[in-house]
Amino acid sequence: DMALEVMEAARRLERPDGEPLRLRIGLHSGPVVAGVIGQSRLVYDLWGDTVNVARCMESQGIPGRIQVSWATHERLSKSSTCAVSSVPSRTRCDCRSPLSV
């Protein structure tokens, strides 16, 4: 739900040049390591392959779309309706499916 809400909020915004703000969001499901880093300025962060795949999905994604891995798609399809379209991979991410909103 958060990704959908962020996309909806972005649709109401414009860049300084007047063009619409178009975000790319990548989602992947799996294990992560979480922790707080820093001594004077504490920052909560996540690490692991799951984070790396989500970053890859986002960085190679289509502006204005949410890119969802097959692992996440399988989880979402059990609880919601999502339309999958096949997008050729341009990176080492072998599997990528945009969630049409």
Protein backbone atom coordinates (compact mmCIF):
# COMPACT_ATOMS: atom_id res chain seq x y z
CA ASP A 1 0.00 0.00 0.00
CA MET A 2 2.83 2.41 0.75
CA ALA A 3 4.26 2.22 -2.79
CA LEU A 4 0.81 2.91 -4.25
CA GLU A 5 0.30 5.87 -1.91
CA VAL A 6 3.73 7.31 -2.78
CA MET A 7 2.98 7.00 -6.51
CA GLU A 8 -0.38 8.73 -6.00
CA ALA A 9 1.25 11.57 -4.06
CA ALA A 10 3.93 11.96 -6.76
CA ARG A 11 1.24 12.32 -9.44
CA ARG A 12 0.07 15.51 -7.72
CA LEU A 13 3.56 17.07 -7.75
CA GLU A 14 5.55 18.85 -10.43
CA ARG A 15 9.27 19.33 -10.94
CA PRO A 16 10.60 22.93 -10.90
CA ASP A 17 10.50 22.94 -14.73
CA GLY A 18 6.76 22.15 -14.69
CA GLU A 19 7.14 18.53 -15.82
CA PRO A 20 5.31 15.87 -13.78
CA LEU A 21 7.26 14.08 -11.06
CA ARG A 22 7.64 10.45 -12.17
CA LEU A 23 9.10 8.04 -9.64
CA ARG A 24 10.48 4.55 -10.11
CA ILE A 25 9.82 2.08 -7.29
CA GLY A 26 11.32 -1.41 -7.04
CA LEU A 27 9.90 -4.07 -4.72
CA HIS A 28 11.36 -7.45 -3.77
CA SER A 29 10.53 -9.81 -0.91
CA GLY A 30 13.02 -11.77 1.15
CA PRO A 31 15.30 -11.73 4.16
CA VAL A 32 17.28 -8.63 5.15
CA VAL A 33 19.68 -7.62 7.88
CA ALA A 34 18.66 -4.46 9.73
CA GLY A 35 20.62 -2.33 12.12
CA VAL A 36 21.52 1.07 13.43
CA ILE A 37 24.81 2.55 12.27
CA GLY A 38 26.72 5.60 13.46
CA GLN A 39 27.82 7.01 16.78
CA SER A 40 26.90 10.69 16.81
CA ARG A 41 24.20 10.50 14.12
CA LEU A 42 22.27 7.24 14.29
CA VAL A 43 20.82 5.88 11.04
CA TYR A 44 18.60 2.80 10.64
CA ASP A 45 19.58 0.81 7.54
CA LEU A 46 18.84 -2.46 5.71
CA TRP A 47 21.33 -4.74 3.90
CA GLY A 48 21.29 -7.92 1.89
CA ASP A 49 20.43 -9.47 -1.47
CA THR A 50 16.77 -8.52 -1.07
CA VAL A 51 17.70 -4.84 -0.83
CA ASN A 52 20.09 -5.17 -3.79
CA VAL A 53 17.41 -6.75 -6.00
CA ALA A 54 14.88 -4.05 -5.05
CA ARG A 55 17.48 -1.37 -5.87
CA CYS A 56 18.17 -3.02 -9.22
CA MET A 57 14.45 -3.19 -9.97
CA GLU A 58 14.11 0.52 -9.18
CA SER A 59 17.21 1.73 -11.01
CA GLN A 60 16.32 -0.09 -14.24
CA GLY A 61 12.60 0.55 -13.87
CA ILE A 62 10.12 2.47 -15.94
CA PRO A 63 9.38 6.01 -14.66
CA GLY A 64 5.90 6.26 -13.18
CA ARG A 65 5.68 2.49 -12.55
CA ILE A 66 6.23 0.08 -9.67
CA GLN A 67 8.56 -2.78 -10.63
CA VAL A 68 7.78 -5.96 -8.71
CA SER A 69 9.95 -9.10 -8.55
CA TRP A 70 8.36 -12.50 -9.05
CA ALA A 71 8.83 -13.24 -5.34
CA THR A 72 6.82 -10.15 -4.45
CA HIS A 73 4.31 -10.74 -7.25
CA GLU A 74 3.54 -14.19 -5.85
CA ARG A 75 2.92 -12.72 -2.40
CA LEU A 76 0.77 -9.89 -3.79
CA SER A 77 -1.27 -12.14 -6.05
CA LYS A 78 -2.51 -14.05 -3.00
CA SER A 79 -3.97 -10.91 -1.42
CA SER A 80 -4.66 -8.46 -4.26
CA THR A 81 -5.18 -8.10 -7.97
CA CYS A 82 -2.15 -7.10 -9.99
CA ALA A 83 -1.62 -6.98 -13.72
CA VAL A 84 1.67 -8.38 -14.95
CA SER A 85 3.29 -7.42 -18.21
CA SER A 86 6.51 -8.86 -19.49
CA VAL A 87 9.38 -6.40 -19.75
CA PRO A 88 12.70 -7.49 -21.29
CA SER A 89 15.53 -7.37 -18.79
CA ARG A 90 18.35 -4.93 -19.49
CA THR A 91 20.40 -5.86 -16.42
CA ARG A 92 21.42 -8.87 -14.37
CA CYS A 93 17.92 -8.84 -12.84
CA ASP A 94 16.40 -11.74 -14.74
CA CYS A 95 12.82 -11.24 -13.66
CA ARG A 96 10.87 -7.98 -13.64
CA SER A 97 7.14 -7.36 -13.67
CA PRO A 98 5.53 -3.92 -13.45
CA LEU A 99 2.42 -3.68 -11.29
CA SER A 100 -0.11 -1.60 -13.24
CA VAL A 101 -1.82 0.95 -11.01
